[in-house]
Every structure is written in structure tokens, then in C-alpha cells.
Amino acid sequence: MKYEQHSSNWNERFKKNDVPWEDTGPWSGLVDVLKQYVEPGSTVLDTGCGFGVNTIEIAKHGYHTTGVDISQHAIKSAKERAHQQGVECCFEVSDFLNYSGVRRFDCVFDRGLLHTFCDQSGRKQFARKVASQLATNGVWINVSGNSDNPDDPADVKKHNYPRITATELVGIVEPLFEIKELRSCMYGSIQGLTDFRAWLGVFQKRD
């Protein structure tokens, strides 16, 4: 089944560098959250990794990382970036909902993939896929657009701004996950593009 997302031509958008969701550096809260919930040396899957900035940053801090993205162009760029920085991590081209990695990960990191799904059916399927990729007691760290942004509703509809309410987010993760943390944060740091309010959610897979 195909679930509607805010865009369908991801590879072309990466080729054209039409990727306003991509920051030049890693997400600002990444290292602190990882160290709080996931032991160094653990395995981490970065879903929708794009150019691999966060994947590489995670690897630099002693985690065994795999980045997955549907865009061949993004993954090619991510591999080149990792090579240039001398960082060892794995990158794979895959639609995450169809991802068939053989290992189960200690952590799944998702910044900006869940919120690309337009309705709860797609988001819940995404959560089920995350759970299937996690080891027992594994942790899902999610960063998604927050509906508390002072957006004009007409602009949200026109520009497909990815926004999720707290109620929707709780409905997505229950009953597969225990909510360890849910709070407001900033999605990124580029003024006028990624500097919008987001949710940080940390969810632990239930037995």
C-alpha cells in the first residue's frame, strides 16, 4: 500500500538541491539525547538520512550507524561526505517502509521522515516499521514539525508544511512504544527554512 507523503519526487529534489529541510550541520540536540538514552557502541539506524550529516555525527561519537534514504543522489553524496571526513558508517538506498535490513537496531533516529506522511494511517505504518527494526527495549528518537508553530493555516496548506499535534503523535506511538520524553524543540537552525518549532520524542519499544 502506498501512503501519501508531502512529496513524491525525493530523488529529483535532492538532485536539484531543492531540499529546504536539510541543514548544513547536525541537529543541535542530537549528541545530548543519544548519550542520555543510548550507550556508545550501540547500533543506530538513521531513517531518511538525506546527505548523511546526522548519520556521520552519530558515528563520530562511537555508535555503529546505518543511514537509509530513498534518494540515490542523497546516498551517493552521504557516502562521499563520510569518506572525506574519514568516518566509518554504512549507507543504503531504500524506501524505509520497505527496508529489509537483517539486523535489529538499538536505536532508530528519525528527523523529518515521520512528519512527511500526510495522515495518521501512513504515520502509524511508519511507527510499526520502526518497531520492527528495533531490538528489544530499543529506542526511537523522533524530531517532527510541531503544530504549535504560529503558522497561517493557509500557508500550511499551500506549502505542505509538516506539522503534527501532540495528540496525533501520542496516537501514532501507542501502543507500540512507551513515551520516555516528549517536548518542544527547534527543528533546525537555518533562518526562514528550518528554524521552526518541532517535537522531540523519545519512545522505547514495548516488550
N, C-alpha and C. Protein backbone atom coordinates (compact mmCIF):
# COMPACT_ATOMS: atom_id res chain seq x y z
N MET A 1 0.85 -1.21 0.00
CA MET A 1 0.00 0.00 0.00
C MET A 1 0.87 1.25 0.00
N LYS A 2 0.49 2.22 -0.81
CA LYS A 2 1.24 3.47 -0.91
C LYS A 2 0.59 4.52 -0.02
N TYR A 3 1.39 5.12 0.87
CA TYR A 3 0.89 6.14 1.77
C TYR A 3 1.31 7.52 1.27
N GLU A 4 0.38 8.47 1.31
CA GLU A 4 0.64 9.81 0.78
C GLU A 4 1.64 10.55 1.65
N GLN A 5 2.62 11.16 0.97
CA GLN A 5 3.61 12.00 1.65
C GLN A 5 3.58 13.40 1.05
N HIS A 6 4.25 14.33 1.72
CA HIS A 6 4.25 15.72 1.26
C HIS A 6 4.97 15.91 -0.07
N SER A 7 5.79 14.95 -0.45
CA SER A 7 6.46 14.98 -1.74
C SER A 7 6.59 13.55 -2.24
N SER A 8 6.71 13.38 -3.54
CA SER A 8 6.88 12.04 -4.10
C SER A 8 8.12 11.92 -4.97
N ASN A 9 8.77 13.04 -5.26
CA ASN A 9 9.92 13.04 -6.16
C ASN A 9 11.20 13.38 -5.39
N TRP A 10 11.48 12.59 -4.35
CA TRP A 10 12.59 12.90 -3.46
C TRP A 10 13.93 12.94 -4.18
N ASN A 11 14.18 11.98 -5.07
CA ASN A 11 15.49 11.94 -5.73
C ASN A 11 15.70 13.17 -6.61
N GLU A 12 14.68 13.58 -7.34
CA GLU A 12 14.80 14.76 -8.19
C GLU A 12 15.04 16.01 -7.34
N ARG A 13 14.39 16.06 -6.20
CA ARG A 13 14.57 17.24 -5.34
C ARG A 13 16.00 17.30 -4.80
N PHE A 14 16.56 16.14 -4.45
CA PHE A 14 17.95 16.15 -4.00
C PHE A 14 18.89 16.51 -5.14
N LYS A 15 18.61 16.03 -6.34
CA LYS A 15 19.45 16.37 -7.50
C LYS A 15 19.48 17.87 -7.74
N LYS A 16 18.31 18.51 -7.58
CA LYS A 16 18.19 19.95 -7.83
C LYS A 16 18.57 20.78 -6.61
N ASN A 17 18.93 20.11 -5.52
CA ASN A 17 19.21 20.76 -4.24
C ASN A 17 18.00 21.55 -3.74
N ASP A 18 16.82 21.06 -4.08
CA ASP A 18 15.56 21.64 -3.59
C ASP A 18 15.18 20.91 -2.30
N VAL A 19 15.99 21.13 -1.28
CA VAL A 19 15.84 20.37 -0.04
C VAL A 19 15.87 21.34 1.16
N PRO A 20 14.83 22.16 1.30
CA PRO A 20 14.83 23.17 2.36
C PRO A 20 14.84 22.60 3.77
N TRP A 21 14.62 21.29 3.90
CA TRP A 21 14.63 20.66 5.22
C TRP A 21 16.03 20.26 5.66
N GLU A 22 17.02 20.32 4.77
CA GLU A 22 18.37 19.88 5.09
C GLU A 22 19.17 21.02 5.73
N ASP A 23 19.80 20.74 6.87
CA ASP A 23 20.71 21.69 7.49
C ASP A 23 22.15 21.39 7.07
N THR A 24 23.01 22.38 7.16
CA THR A 24 24.41 22.16 6.81
C THR A 24 25.15 21.39 7.90
N GLY A 25 24.65 21.45 9.13
CA GLY A 25 25.27 20.74 10.24
C GLY A 25 24.28 19.79 10.90
N PRO A 26 24.75 18.96 11.84
CA PRO A 26 23.85 18.01 12.51
C PRO A 26 22.84 18.71 13.39
N TRP A 27 21.75 18.03 13.68
CA TRP A 27 20.73 18.57 14.56
C TRP A 27 21.33 18.89 15.93
N SER A 28 21.00 20.05 16.46
CA SER A 28 21.70 20.59 17.63
C SER A 28 21.55 19.73 18.88
N GLY A 29 20.43 19.02 19.04
CA GLY A 29 20.24 18.24 20.26
C GLY A 29 20.67 16.80 20.15
N LEU A 30 21.24 16.43 19.00
CA LEU A 30 21.48 15.03 18.69
C LEU A 30 22.36 14.31 19.71
N VAL A 31 23.53 14.84 19.97
CA VAL A 31 24.50 14.14 20.81
C VAL A 31 24.00 14.00 22.24
N ASP A 32 23.42 15.07 22.78
CA ASP A 32 22.92 15.02 24.16
C ASP A 32 21.83 13.97 24.34
N VAL A 33 20.90 13.92 23.40
CA VAL A 33 19.81 12.95 23.51
C VAL A 33 20.33 11.53 23.36
N LEU A 34 21.22 11.32 22.41
CA LEU A 34 21.78 9.99 22.22
C LEU A 34 22.50 9.50 23.48
N LYS A 35 23.34 10.35 24.03
CA LYS A 35 24.11 9.95 25.21
C LYS A 35 23.21 9.67 26.41
N GLN A 36 22.07 10.34 26.47
CA GLN A 36 21.15 10.14 27.59
C GLN A 36 20.44 8.79 27.51
N TYR A 37 20.13 8.34 26.28
CA TYR A 37 19.28 7.17 26.14
C TYR A 37 19.95 5.95 25.50
N VAL A 38 21.08 6.14 24.83
CA VAL A 38 21.69 5.05 24.07
C VAL A 38 23.18 4.97 24.37
N GLU A 39 23.64 3.79 24.78
CA GLU A 39 25.04 3.60 25.11
C GLU A 39 25.93 3.69 23.87
N PRO A 40 27.08 4.37 23.96
CA PRO A 40 28.05 4.33 22.86
C PRO A 40 28.41 2.88 22.53
N GLY A 41 28.63 2.63 21.25
CA GLY A 41 28.86 1.27 20.81
C GLY A 41 27.61 0.59 20.32
N SER A 42 26.45 1.20 20.58
CA SER A 42 25.18 0.65 20.13
C SER A 42 25.00 0.88 18.63
N THR A 43 24.04 0.16 18.06
CA THR A 43 23.73 0.30 16.64
C THR A 43 22.59 1.30 16.46
N VAL A 44 22.75 2.20 15.50
CA VAL A 44 21.76 3.25 15.25
C VAL A 44 21.41 3.29 13.77
N LEU A 45 20.13 3.32 13.48
CA LEU A 45 19.62 3.47 12.11
C LEU A 45 19.07 4.88 11.96
N ASP A 46 19.61 5.63 11.00
CA ASP A 46 19.14 6.99 10.70
C ASP A 46 18.24 6.90 9.47
N THR A 47 16.93 7.06 9.68
CA THR A 47 15.97 6.93 8.59
C THR A 47 15.79 8.26 7.88
N GLY A 48 15.65 8.22 6.54
CA GLY A 48 15.55 9.46 5.79
C GLY A 48 16.77 10.32 6.02
N CYS A 49 17.94 9.71 5.90
CA CYS A 49 19.19 10.36 6.34
C CYS A 49 19.63 11.49 5.43
N GLY A 50 19.08 11.58 4.21
CA GLY A 50 19.47 12.66 3.32
C GLY A 50 20.96 12.62 3.01
N PHE A 51 21.63 13.76 3.18
CA PHE A 51 23.05 13.86 2.87
C PHE A 51 23.94 13.24 3.95
N GLY A 52 23.35 12.65 4.97
CA GLY A 52 24.12 11.89 5.95
C GLY A 52 24.77 12.69 7.05
N VAL A 53 24.40 13.96 7.19
CA VAL A 53 25.05 14.81 8.18
C VAL A 53 24.87 14.26 9.60
N ASN A 54 23.64 13.86 9.94
CA ASN A 54 23.40 13.32 11.28
C ASN A 54 23.98 11.92 11.44
N THR A 55 23.90 11.10 10.40
CA THR A 55 24.47 9.76 10.45
C THR A 55 25.95 9.82 10.79
N ILE A 56 26.66 10.69 10.11
CA ILE A 56 28.10 10.84 10.32
C ILE A 56 28.40 11.36 11.73
N GLU A 57 27.61 12.31 12.19
CA GLU A 57 27.82 12.86 13.53
C GLU A 57 27.62 11.77 14.59
N ILE A 58 26.60 10.94 14.40
CA ILE A 58 26.35 9.84 15.34
C ILE A 58 27.56 8.89 15.38
N ALA A 59 28.09 8.57 14.20
CA ALA A 59 29.24 7.67 14.12
C ALA A 59 30.46 8.26 14.82
N LYS A 60 30.64 9.56 14.72
CA LYS A 60 31.79 10.21 15.35
C LYS A 60 31.80 10.03 16.86
N HIS A 61 30.63 9.77 17.44
CA HIS A 61 30.53 9.64 18.89
C HIS A 61 30.47 8.19 19.35
N GLY A 62 30.95 7.29 18.50
CA GLY A 62 31.16 5.91 18.93
C GLY A 62 30.01 4.96 18.71
N TYR A 63 29.08 5.32 17.84
CA TYR A 63 27.95 4.44 17.53
C TYR A 63 28.16 3.80 16.16
N HIS A 64 27.62 2.60 15.99
CA HIS A 64 27.68 1.91 14.71
C HIS A 64 26.43 2.31 13.91
N THR A 65 26.62 3.13 12.90
CA THR A 65 25.48 3.79 12.26
C THR A 65 25.24 3.31 10.83
N THR A 66 23.95 3.26 10.49
CA THR A 66 23.50 2.99 9.13
C THR A 66 22.50 4.09 8.75
N GLY A 67 22.73 4.72 7.61
CA GLY A 67 21.81 5.73 7.10
C GLY A 67 21.05 5.18 5.91
N VAL A 68 19.75 5.41 5.89
CA VAL A 68 18.89 4.92 4.81
C VAL A 68 18.10 6.09 4.22
N ASP A 69 18.06 6.16 2.91
CA ASP A 69 17.26 7.19 2.24
C ASP A 69 16.79 6.65 0.90
N ILE A 70 15.63 7.12 0.48
CA ILE A 70 15.05 6.67 -0.80
C ILE A 70 15.78 7.28 -2.00
N SER A 71 16.52 8.37 -1.77
CA SER A 71 17.17 9.09 -2.86
C SER A 71 18.58 8.54 -3.12
N GLN A 72 18.79 8.05 -4.33
CA GLN A 72 20.12 7.58 -4.72
C GLN A 72 21.13 8.72 -4.69
N HIS A 73 20.70 9.89 -5.13
CA HIS A 73 21.60 11.04 -5.15
C HIS A 73 22.03 11.42 -3.73
N ALA A 74 21.10 11.42 -2.80
CA ALA A 74 21.43 11.76 -1.42
C ALA A 74 22.42 10.76 -0.83
N ILE A 75 22.19 9.48 -1.06
CA ILE A 75 23.08 8.45 -0.51
C ILE A 75 24.47 8.55 -1.12
N LYS A 76 24.56 8.82 -2.42
CA LYS A 76 25.87 9.00 -3.06
C LYS A 76 26.62 10.15 -2.40
N SER A 77 25.93 11.26 -2.16
CA SER A 77 26.55 12.41 -1.51
C SER A 77 26.95 12.08 -0.08
N ALA A 78 26.11 11.31 0.63
CA ALA A 78 26.40 10.94 2.01
C ALA A 78 27.67 10.09 2.09
N LYS A 79 27.80 9.13 1.17
CA LYS A 79 28.99 8.29 1.15
C LYS A 79 30.24 9.12 0.90
N GLU A 80 30.15 10.07 -0.01
CA GLU A 80 31.30 10.94 -0.31
C GLU A 80 31.65 11.78 0.89
N ARG A 81 30.65 12.29 1.59
CA ARG A 81 30.87 13.12 2.77
C ARG A 81 31.59 12.30 3.86
N ALA A 82 31.11 11.08 4.09
CA ALA A 82 31.72 10.23 5.12
C ALA A 82 33.17 9.91 4.77
N HIS A 83 33.42 9.62 3.50
CA HIS A 83 34.78 9.32 3.04
C HIS A 83 35.70 10.52 3.24
N GLN A 84 35.22 11.70 2.88
CA GLN A 84 36.02 12.91 3.03
C GLN A 84 36.38 13.19 4.48
N GLN A 85 35.48 12.84 5.39
CA GLN A 85 35.72 13.09 6.81
C GLN A 85 36.39 11.91 7.52
N GLY A 86 36.61 10.83 6.79
CA GLY A 86 37.26 9.67 7.37
C GLY A 86 36.42 8.98 8.43
N VAL A 87 35.10 8.99 8.24
CA VAL A 87 34.18 8.41 9.22
C VAL A 87 33.60 7.12 8.65
N GLU A 88 33.61 6.06 9.46
CA GLU A 88 33.09 4.77 9.01
C GLU A 88 31.63 4.61 9.40
N CYS A 89 30.77 4.52 8.41
CA CYS A 89 29.37 4.22 8.62
C CYS A 89 28.82 3.64 7.32
N CYS A 90 27.62 3.10 7.39
CA CYS A 90 27.02 2.42 6.25
C CYS A 90 25.86 3.24 5.72
N PHE A 91 25.72 3.30 4.39
CA PHE A 91 24.58 3.98 3.77
C PHE A 91 23.91 3.05 2.76
N GLU A 92 22.58 3.07 2.75
CA GLU A 92 21.82 2.21 1.85
C GLU A 92 20.68 3.01 1.21
N VAL A 93 20.43 2.73 -0.07
CA VAL A 93 19.27 3.31 -0.77
C VAL A 93 18.07 2.41 -0.51
N SER A 94 17.04 2.97 0.11
CA SER A 94 15.85 2.18 0.38
C SER A 94 14.70 3.09 0.79
N ASP A 95 13.50 2.72 0.36
CA ASP A 95 12.27 3.28 0.92
C ASP A 95 12.11 2.64 2.29
N PHE A 96 12.13 3.43 3.34
CA PHE A 96 12.18 2.85 4.68
C PHE A 96 11.03 1.90 4.95
N LEU A 97 9.85 2.18 4.44
CA LEU A 97 8.71 1.29 4.70
C LEU A 97 8.92 -0.09 4.09
N ASN A 98 9.84 -0.18 3.12
CA ASN A 98 10.16 -1.47 2.50
C ASN A 98 11.56 -1.94 2.87
N TYR A 99 12.17 -1.29 3.83
CA TYR A 99 13.54 -1.63 4.22
C TYR A 99 13.59 -3.04 4.81
N SER A 100 14.60 -3.80 4.40
CA SER A 100 14.68 -5.20 4.84
C SER A 100 16.06 -5.52 5.41
N GLY A 101 16.56 -4.62 6.25
CA GLY A 101 17.84 -4.87 6.90
C GLY A 101 17.77 -6.12 7.77
N VAL A 102 18.87 -6.87 7.80
CA VAL A 102 18.85 -8.15 8.52
C VAL A 102 19.03 -7.97 10.02
N ARG A 103 19.60 -6.85 10.44
CA ARG A 103 19.86 -6.65 11.86
C ARG A 103 18.73 -5.86 12.50
N ARG A 104 18.64 -5.97 13.82
CA ARG A 104 17.74 -5.12 14.60
C ARG A 104 18.61 -4.11 15.34
N PHE A 105 18.18 -2.87 15.36
CA PHE A 105 18.99 -1.78 15.87
C PHE A 105 18.62 -1.44 17.32
N ASP A 106 19.60 -0.91 18.02
CA ASP A 106 19.36 -0.45 19.39
C ASP A 106 18.60 0.88 19.39
N CYS A 107 18.76 1.64 18.31
CA CYS A 107 18.11 2.96 18.23
C CYS A 107 17.77 3.27 16.78
N VAL A 108 16.61 3.86 16.57
CA VAL A 108 16.26 4.46 15.29
C VAL A 108 16.16 5.96 15.50
N PHE A 109 16.90 6.73 14.69
CA PHE A 109 16.83 8.18 14.72
C PHE A 109 16.09 8.66 13.49
N ASP A 110 15.10 9.51 13.71
CA ASP A 110 14.25 10.00 12.61
C ASP A 110 14.05 11.49 12.80
N ARG A 111 14.71 12.26 11.98
CA ARG A 111 14.48 13.70 11.97
C ARG A 111 13.86 14.06 10.63
N GLY A 112 12.54 14.23 10.64
CA GLY A 112 11.88 14.75 9.46
C GLY A 112 11.35 13.74 8.47
N LEU A 113 11.29 12.45 8.85
CA LEU A 113 10.68 11.49 7.94
C LEU A 113 9.24 11.17 8.34
N LEU A 114 9.01 10.90 9.60
CA LEU A 114 7.64 10.64 10.05
C LEU A 114 6.69 11.75 9.60
N HIS A 115 7.12 13.00 9.76
CA HIS A 115 6.19 14.09 9.50
C HIS A 115 5.94 14.35 8.02
N THR A 116 6.62 13.61 7.13
CA THR A 116 6.30 13.75 5.71
C THR A 116 5.03 13.01 5.32
N PHE A 117 4.56 12.10 6.19
CA PHE A 117 3.32 11.38 5.90
C PHE A 117 2.12 12.28 6.22
N CYS A 118 1.16 12.30 5.31
CA CYS A 118 0.10 13.30 5.37
C CYS A 118 -1.03 12.96 6.33
N ASP A 119 -1.15 11.70 6.74
CA ASP A 119 -2.25 11.36 7.64
C ASP A 119 -1.81 10.29 8.63
N GLN A 120 -2.71 9.97 9.55
CA GLN A 120 -2.36 9.06 10.64
C GLN A 120 -2.13 7.63 10.15
N SER A 121 -2.77 7.21 9.08
CA SER A 121 -2.57 5.84 8.61
C SER A 121 -1.12 5.63 8.17
N GLY A 122 -0.57 6.59 7.42
CA GLY A 122 0.83 6.49 7.00
C GLY A 122 1.79 6.61 8.17
N ARG A 123 1.48 7.51 9.09
CA ARG A 123 2.34 7.70 10.25
C ARG A 123 2.36 6.46 11.14
N LYS A 124 1.20 5.83 11.33
CA LYS A 124 1.14 4.62 12.15
C LYS A 124 1.88 3.46 11.49
N GLN A 125 1.80 3.38 10.17
CA GLN A 125 2.57 2.35 9.47
C GLN A 125 4.06 2.59 9.64
N PHE A 126 4.45 3.86 9.61
CA PHE A 126 5.85 4.20 9.84
C PHE A 126 6.28 3.75 11.24
N ALA A 127 5.46 4.01 12.25
CA ALA A 127 5.78 3.61 13.61
C ALA A 127 5.90 2.09 13.72
N ARG A 128 5.03 1.37 13.04
CA ARG A 128 5.12 -0.10 13.06
C ARG A 128 6.43 -0.56 12.43
N LYS A 129 6.85 0.12 11.37
CA LYS A 129 8.11 -0.25 10.72
C LYS A 129 9.29 0.03 11.64
N VAL A 130 9.25 1.17 12.32
CA VAL A 130 10.32 1.48 13.28
C VAL A 130 10.40 0.39 14.34
N ALA A 131 9.27 0.01 14.89
CA ALA A 131 9.25 -1.02 15.92
C ALA A 131 9.83 -2.33 15.41
N SER A 132 9.55 -2.66 14.16
CA SER A 132 10.04 -3.92 13.59
C SER A 132 11.55 -3.92 13.40
N GLN A 133 12.15 -2.72 13.31
CA GLN A 133 13.59 -2.62 13.11
C GLN A 133 14.37 -2.49 14.42
N LEU A 134 13.65 -2.37 15.53
CA LEU A 134 14.31 -2.18 16.82
C LEU A 134 14.47 -3.49 17.58
N ALA A 135 15.60 -3.60 18.27
CA ALA A 135 15.82 -4.71 19.18
C ALA A 135 14.92 -4.54 20.41
N THR A 136 14.87 -5.55 21.25
CA THR A 136 14.10 -5.47 22.49
C THR A 136 14.53 -4.25 23.30
N ASN A 137 13.56 -3.47 23.76
CA ASN A 137 13.81 -2.24 24.53
C ASN A 137 14.54 -1.16 23.72
N GLY A 138 14.53 -1.30 22.40
CA GLY A 138 15.17 -0.29 21.57
C GLY A 138 14.47 1.06 21.66
N VAL A 139 15.18 2.10 21.28
CA VAL A 139 14.71 3.48 21.43
C VAL A 139 14.56 4.15 20.07
N TRP A 140 13.43 4.82 19.90
CA TRP A 140 13.17 5.64 18.71
C TRP A 140 13.25 7.10 19.12
N ILE A 141 14.17 7.84 18.49
CA ILE A 141 14.31 9.27 18.72
C ILE A 141 13.74 9.97 17.49
N ASN A 142 12.70 10.77 17.71
CA ASN A 142 11.97 11.39 16.60
C ASN A 142 11.96 12.91 16.74
N VAL A 143 12.21 13.59 15.64
CA VAL A 143 12.08 15.05 15.57
C VAL A 143 11.12 15.37 14.43
N SER A 144 9.96 15.94 14.77
CA SER A 144 8.91 16.21 13.78
C SER A 144 8.35 17.61 13.97
N GLY A 145 7.85 18.19 12.89
CA GLY A 145 7.26 19.52 12.93
C GLY A 145 6.11 19.62 13.93
N ASN A 146 6.09 20.71 14.67
CA ASN A 146 5.15 20.91 15.77
C ASN A 146 4.01 21.84 15.31
N SER A 147 2.78 21.44 15.55
CA SER A 147 1.63 22.25 15.13
C SER A 147 1.49 23.54 15.94
N ASP A 148 2.30 23.70 16.99
CA ASP A 148 2.26 24.93 17.78
C ASP A 148 2.98 26.09 17.12
N ASN A 149 3.56 25.88 15.94
CA ASN A 149 4.16 26.99 15.21
C ASN A 149 3.10 28.03 14.87
N PRO A 150 3.46 29.31 14.92
CA PRO A 150 2.48 30.36 14.60
C PRO A 150 2.28 30.52 13.10
N ASP A 151 1.88 29.44 12.47
CA ASP A 151 1.70 29.45 11.01
C ASP A 151 0.31 29.95 10.63
N ASP A 152 0.25 30.58 9.48
CA ASP A 152 -1.04 30.86 8.86
C ASP A 152 -1.56 29.53 8.28
N PRO A 153 -2.75 29.08 8.67
CA PRO A 153 -3.26 27.80 8.16
C PRO A 153 -3.27 27.72 6.64
N ALA A 154 -3.50 28.85 5.98
CA ALA A 154 -3.49 28.86 4.51
C ALA A 154 -2.09 28.55 3.98
N ASP A 155 -1.06 29.07 4.67
CA ASP A 155 0.31 28.79 4.26
C ASP A 155 0.68 27.33 4.49
N VAL A 156 0.22 26.78 5.61
CA VAL A 156 0.48 25.36 5.91
C VAL A 156 -0.05 24.49 4.79
N LYS A 157 -1.28 24.80 4.35
CA LYS A 157 -1.91 24.01 3.29
C LYS A 157 -1.22 24.24 1.95
N LYS A 158 -0.90 25.48 1.65
CA LYS A 158 -0.31 25.83 0.36
C LYS A 158 1.08 25.23 0.20
N HIS A 159 1.90 25.31 1.26
CA HIS A 159 3.30 24.91 1.18
C HIS A 159 3.57 23.51 1.74
N ASN A 160 2.51 22.82 2.18
CA ASN A 160 2.67 21.48 2.75
C ASN A 160 3.64 21.45 3.93
N TYR A 161 3.52 22.43 4.81
CA TYR A 161 4.37 22.41 6.00
C TYR A 161 4.06 21.17 6.83
N PRO A 162 5.09 20.42 7.21
CA PRO A 162 4.84 19.21 8.01
C PRO A 162 4.61 19.57 9.47
N ARG A 163 3.40 19.36 9.95
CA ARG A 163 3.05 19.72 11.32
C ARG A 163 2.23 18.59 11.95
N ILE A 164 2.55 18.26 13.20
CA ILE A 164 1.86 17.21 13.93
C ILE A 164 1.49 17.74 15.31
N THR A 165 0.30 17.43 15.79
CA THR A 165 -0.09 17.82 17.15
C THR A 165 0.43 16.79 18.14
N ALA A 166 0.48 17.19 19.40
CA ALA A 166 0.91 16.26 20.46
C ALA A 166 -0.05 15.07 20.54
N THR A 167 -1.33 15.35 20.41
CA THR A 167 -2.33 14.27 20.45
C THR A 167 -2.11 13.27 19.32
N GLU A 168 -1.84 13.78 18.12
CA GLU A 168 -1.57 12.90 16.98
C GLU A 168 -0.32 12.06 17.22
N LEU A 169 0.72 12.69 17.77
CA LEU A 169 1.98 11.98 17.99
C LEU A 169 1.81 10.86 19.00
N VAL A 170 1.09 11.13 20.07
CA VAL A 170 0.83 10.09 21.07
C VAL A 170 0.04 8.95 20.43
N GLY A 171 -0.95 9.28 19.60
CA GLY A 171 -1.74 8.25 18.94
C GLY A 171 -0.93 7.41 17.97
N ILE A 172 0.13 7.98 17.43
CA ILE A 172 0.99 7.26 16.50
C ILE A 172 1.82 6.21 17.23
N VAL A 173 2.39 6.57 18.36
CA VAL A 173 3.36 5.69 19.02
C VAL A 173 2.70 4.65 19.94
N GLU A 174 1.53 4.96 20.47
CA GLU A 174 0.82 3.98 21.30
C GLU A 174 0.13 2.96 20.42
N PRO A 175 0.07 1.68 20.76
CA PRO A 175 0.61 1.07 21.99
C PRO A 175 1.97 0.41 21.81
N LEU A 176 2.67 0.70 20.71
CA LEU A 176 3.93 0.01 20.42
C LEU A 176 5.09 0.49 21.27
N PHE A 177 4.99 1.74 21.76
CA PHE A 177 6.12 2.36 22.45
C PHE A 177 5.68 2.98 23.77
N GLU A 178 6.62 2.99 24.71
CA GLU A 178 6.46 3.77 25.93
C GLU A 178 7.09 5.14 25.69
N ILE A 179 6.38 6.20 26.05
CA ILE A 179 6.89 7.55 25.86
C ILE A 179 7.82 7.90 27.01
N LYS A 180 9.09 8.07 26.68
CA LYS A 180 10.09 8.43 27.69
C LYS A 180 10.24 9.94 27.81
N GLU A 181 10.04 10.63 26.69
CA GLU A 181 10.20 12.09 26.68
C GLU A 181 9.43 12.64 25.50
N LEU A 182 8.76 13.77 25.70
CA LEU A 182 8.08 14.48 24.62
C LEU A 182 8.10 15.96 24.97
N ARG A 183 8.83 16.73 24.18
CA ARG A 183 8.95 18.16 24.47
C ARG A 183 9.19 18.95 23.19
N SER A 184 9.00 20.24 23.33
CA SER A 184 9.21 21.14 22.20
C SER A 184 10.70 21.39 22.00
N CYS A 185 11.10 21.55 20.74
CA CYS A 185 12.49 21.88 20.41
C CYS A 185 12.47 22.65 19.09
N MET A 186 13.64 22.94 18.56
CA MET A 186 13.74 23.55 17.24
C MET A 186 14.16 22.50 16.23
N TYR A 187 13.55 22.55 15.06
CA TYR A 187 13.85 21.57 14.03
C TYR A 187 15.26 21.75 13.47
N GLY A 188 15.63 23.00 13.24
CA GLY A 188 16.95 23.29 12.68
C GLY A 188 17.36 24.71 12.97
N SER A 189 18.34 25.20 12.21
CA SER A 189 18.93 26.50 12.53
C SER A 189 19.00 27.46 11.35
N ILE A 190 18.53 27.07 10.18
CA ILE A 190 18.61 27.96 9.02
C ILE A 190 17.41 28.89 9.03
N GLN A 191 17.68 30.18 9.15
CA GLN A 191 16.62 31.17 9.29
C GLN A 191 15.68 31.15 8.09
N GLY A 192 14.38 31.06 8.39
CA GLY A 192 13.37 31.08 7.36
C GLY A 192 13.13 29.74 6.67
N LEU A 193 13.92 28.73 7.01
CA LEU A 193 13.76 27.41 6.39
C LEU A 193 13.56 26.32 7.44
N THR A 194 14.56 26.11 8.29
CA THR A 194 14.47 25.01 9.25
C THR A 194 14.33 25.49 10.70
N ASP A 195 14.26 26.79 10.90
CA ASP A 195 14.18 27.30 12.27
C ASP A 195 12.73 27.37 12.76
N PHE A 196 12.02 26.25 12.63
CA PHE A 196 10.65 26.20 13.11
C PHE A 196 10.55 25.25 14.32
N ARG A 197 9.48 25.39 15.05
CA ARG A 197 9.28 24.59 16.25
C ARG A 197 8.98 23.15 15.89
N ALA A 198 9.54 22.24 16.66
CA ALA A 198 9.36 20.81 16.41
C ALA A 198 9.08 20.10 17.73
N TRP A 199 8.72 18.83 17.60
CA TRP A 199 8.63 17.93 18.74
C TRP A 199 9.90 17.08 18.79
N LEU A 200 10.42 16.92 19.99
CA LEU A 200 11.40 15.85 20.24
C LEU A 200 10.67 14.76 21.01
N GLY A 201 10.61 13.59 20.44
CA GLY A 201 10.01 12.44 21.10
C GLY A 201 11.02 11.33 21.27
N VAL A 202 11.09 10.76 22.47
CA VAL A 202 11.93 9.59 22.72
C VAL A 202 11.00 8.48 23.17
N PHE A 203 10.96 7.41 22.40
CA PHE A 203 9.99 6.34 22.63
C PHE A 203 10.74 5.00 22.73
N GLN A 204 10.41 4.24 23.76
CA GLN A 204 11.04 2.94 23.94
C GLN A 204 10.09 1.82 23.54
N LYS A 205 10.61 0.90 22.73
CA LYS A 205 9.79 -0.20 22.25
C LYS A 205 9.29 -1.05 23.42
N ARG A 206 8.01 -1.35 23.40
CA ARG A 206 7.45 -2.21 24.44
C ARG A 206 7.79 -3.67 24.15
N ASP A 207 7.84 -4.48 25.19
CA ASP A 207 8.10 -5.92 25.05
C ASP A 207 6.99 -6.58 24.24
